[in-house]
Amino acid sequence: MREKAPPNSHAIVSLVLGVLSILMPLVGIVLGAMGIIFSIKARKEMNQKNEDDKGLATTGMICSVTGVIIQLLVVLIVLSISFFRLS
């Protein structure tokens, strides 16, 4: 029986940062960007080592991109509301 390799640490970090980027306002943009970087690193490492399980890295990428988009929309909404109140 083949023993399963432990998950890639960069993939775990990207997933955690991706989830935090969705939940934390304003800081989420930075966390999401870091999650994207870690996800790219994890996928490169997995390709070099011929590892099959890329699910954590993919999920981290999806959560990070989603978090960045949500946070940017929140910032744009807040700026537009404050701009129209001043006019």
C-alpha atoms as a PDB file:
ATOM      1  CA  MET A   1       0.000   0.000   0.000  1.00  0.00           C
ATOM      2  CA  ARG A   2       1.306   3.437  -0.948  1.00  0.00           C
ATOM      3  CA  GLU A   3       1.700   5.887   1.914  1.00  0.00           C
ATOM      4  CA  LYS A   4       0.097   9.284   1.347  1.00  0.00           C
ATOM      5  CA  ALA A   5       2.500  12.239   1.365  1.00  0.00           C
ATOM      6  CA  PRO A   6       1.839  15.061   3.836  1.00  0.00           C
ATOM      7  CA  PRO A   7       0.165  18.138   2.392  1.00  0.00           C
ATOM      8  CA  ASN A   8       2.295  20.954   1.040  1.00  0.00           C
ATOM      9  CA  SER A   9       2.801  23.650   3.701  1.00  0.00           C
ATOM     10  CA  HIS A  10       2.534  26.485   1.167  1.00  0.00           C
ATOM     11  CA  ALA A  11      -0.839  25.106   0.064  1.00  0.00           C
ATOM     12  CA  ILE A  12      -2.109  25.116   3.654  1.00  0.00           C
ATOM     13  CA  VAL A  13      -0.868  28.690   4.173  1.00  0.00           C
ATOM     14  CA  SER A  14      -2.561  29.819   0.949  1.00  0.00           C
ATOM     15  CA  LEU A  15      -5.846  28.267   2.050  1.00  0.00           C
ATOM     16  CA  VAL A  16      -5.709  29.910   5.490  1.00  0.00           C
ATOM     17  CA  LEU A  17      -4.807  33.299   3.998  1.00  0.00           C
ATOM     18  CA  GLY A  18      -7.568  32.926   1.421  1.00  0.00           C
ATOM     19  CA  VAL A  19     -10.221  32.279   4.053  1.00  0.00           C
ATOM     20  CA  LEU A  20      -8.928  35.146   6.195  1.00  0.00           C
ATOM     21  CA  SER A  21      -8.955  37.471   3.195  1.00  0.00           C
ATOM     22  CA  ILE A  22     -12.689  36.867   2.832  1.00  0.00           C
ATOM     23  CA  LEU A  23     -13.411  37.464   6.512  1.00  0.00           C
ATOM     24  CA  MET A  24     -11.155  40.414   7.420  1.00  0.00           C
ATOM     25  CA  PRO A  25     -12.067  43.847   6.072  1.00  0.00           C
ATOM     26  CA  LEU A  26      -9.337  45.994   4.456  1.00  0.00           C
ATOM     27  CA  VAL A  27      -6.518  43.725   5.599  1.00  0.00           C
ATOM     28  CA  GLY A  28      -8.103  41.071   3.400  1.00  0.00           C
ATOM     29  CA  ILE A  29      -6.647  42.635   0.261  1.00  0.00           C
ATOM     30  CA  VAL A  30      -3.103  42.086   1.513  1.00  0.00           C
ATOM     31  CA  LEU A  31      -3.894  38.640   2.873  1.00  0.00           C
ATOM     32  CA  GLY A  32      -5.502  37.649  -0.419  1.00  0.00           C
ATOM     33  CA  ALA A  33      -2.469  38.792  -2.400  1.00  0.00           C
ATOM     34  CA  MET A  34      -0.207  36.790  -0.092  1.00  0.00           C
ATOM     35  CA  GLY A  35      -2.520  33.777  -0.468  1.00  0.00           C
ATOM     36  CA  ILE A  36      -2.250  33.992  -4.256  1.00  0.00           C
ATOM     37  CA  ILE A  37       1.557  34.087  -4.037  1.00  0.00           C
ATOM     38  CA  PHE A  38       1.678  31.087  -1.700  1.00  0.00           C
ATOM     39  CA  SER A  39      -0.730  29.165  -3.906  1.00  0.00           C
ATOM     40  CA  ILE A  40       1.472  29.746  -6.955  1.00  0.00           C
ATOM     41  CA  LYS A  41       4.536  28.614  -4.978  1.00  0.00           C
ATOM     42  CA  ALA A  42       2.709  25.495  -3.784  1.00  0.00           C
ATOM     43  CA  ARG A  43       1.645  24.523  -7.307  1.00  0.00           C
ATOM     44  CA  LYS A  44       5.199  25.006  -8.604  1.00  0.00           C
ATOM     45  CA  GLU A  45       6.596  22.818  -5.806  1.00  0.00           C
ATOM     46  CA  MET A  46       3.976  20.163  -6.479  1.00  0.00           C
ATOM     47  CA  ASN A  47       4.782  20.160 -10.193  1.00  0.00           C
ATOM     48  CA  GLN A  48       8.514  19.781  -9.455  1.00  0.00           C
ATOM     49  CA  LYS A  49       7.922  16.897  -7.042  1.00  0.00           C
ATOM     50  CA  ASN A  50       5.244  15.284  -9.244  1.00  0.00           C
ATOM     51  CA  GLU A  51       2.663  15.390  -6.461  1.00  0.00           C
ATOM     52  CA  ASP A  52      -0.918  14.701  -7.486  1.00  0.00           C
ATOM     53  CA  ASP A  53      -2.950  16.356  -4.734  1.00  0.00           C
ATOM     54  CA  LYS A  54      -3.256  20.009  -5.780  1.00  0.00           C
ATOM     55  CA  GLY A  55      -6.661  20.536  -4.174  1.00  0.00           C
ATOM     56  CA  LEU A  56      -5.471  22.643  -1.253  1.00  0.00           C
ATOM     57  CA  ALA A  57      -3.469  24.953  -3.515  1.00  0.00           C
ATOM     58  CA  THR A  58      -6.400  25.337  -5.901  1.00  0.00           C
ATOM     59  CA  THR A  59      -8.832  26.021  -3.067  1.00  0.00           C
ATOM     60  CA  GLY A  60      -6.393  28.534  -1.583  1.00  0.00           C
ATOM     61  CA  MET A  61      -6.173  30.305  -4.938  1.00  0.00           C
ATOM     62  CA  ILE A  62      -9.962  30.429  -5.307  1.00  0.00           C
ATOM     63  CA  CYS A  63     -10.480  31.746  -1.774  1.00  0.00           C
ATOM     64  CA  SER A  64      -7.692  34.314  -2.144  1.00  0.00           C
ATOM     65  CA  VAL A  65      -8.988  35.676  -5.449  1.00  0.00           C
ATOM     66  CA  THR A  66     -12.528  35.752  -4.077  1.00  0.00           C
ATOM     67  CA  GLY A  67     -11.352  37.578  -0.962  1.00  0.00           C
ATOM     68  CA  VAL A  68      -9.461  40.193  -2.979  1.00  0.00           C
ATOM     69  CA  ILE A  69     -12.474  40.795  -5.232  1.00  0.00           C
ATOM     70  CA  ILE A  70     -14.861  41.113  -2.270  1.00  0.00           C
ATOM     71  CA  GLN A  71     -12.537  43.483  -0.427  1.00  0.00           C
ATOM     72  CA  LEU A  72     -12.011  45.659  -3.509  1.00  0.00           C
ATOM     73  CA  LEU A  73     -15.776  45.861  -4.015  1.00  0.00           C
ATOM     74  CA  VAL A  74     -16.250  46.881  -0.382  1.00  0.00           C
ATOM     75  CA  VAL A  75     -13.606  49.607  -0.723  1.00  0.00           C
ATOM     76  CA  LEU A  76     -15.199  50.878  -3.953  1.00  0.00           C
ATOM     77  CA  ILE A  77     -18.663  50.934  -2.369  1.00  0.00           C
ATOM     78  CA  VAL A  78     -17.422  52.815   0.691  1.00  0.00           C
ATOM     79  CA  LEU A  79     -15.538  55.335  -1.456  1.00  0.00           C
ATOM     80  CA  SER A  80     -18.510  55.895  -3.746  1.00  0.00           C
ATOM     81  CA  ILE A  81     -20.885  56.399  -0.813  1.00  0.00           C
ATOM     82  CA  SER A  82     -18.516  58.874   0.842  1.00  0.00           C
ATOM     83  CA  PHE A  83     -17.969  60.685  -2.494  1.00  0.00           C
ATOM     84  CA  PHE A  84     -21.700  61.115  -3.143  1.00  0.00           C
ATOM     85  CA  ARG A  85     -22.326  62.320   0.404  1.00  0.00           C
ATOM     86  CA  LEU A  86     -19.808  65.121  -0.090  1.00  0.00           C
ATOM     87  CA  SER A  87     -21.442  66.327  -3.305  1.00  0.00           C
END
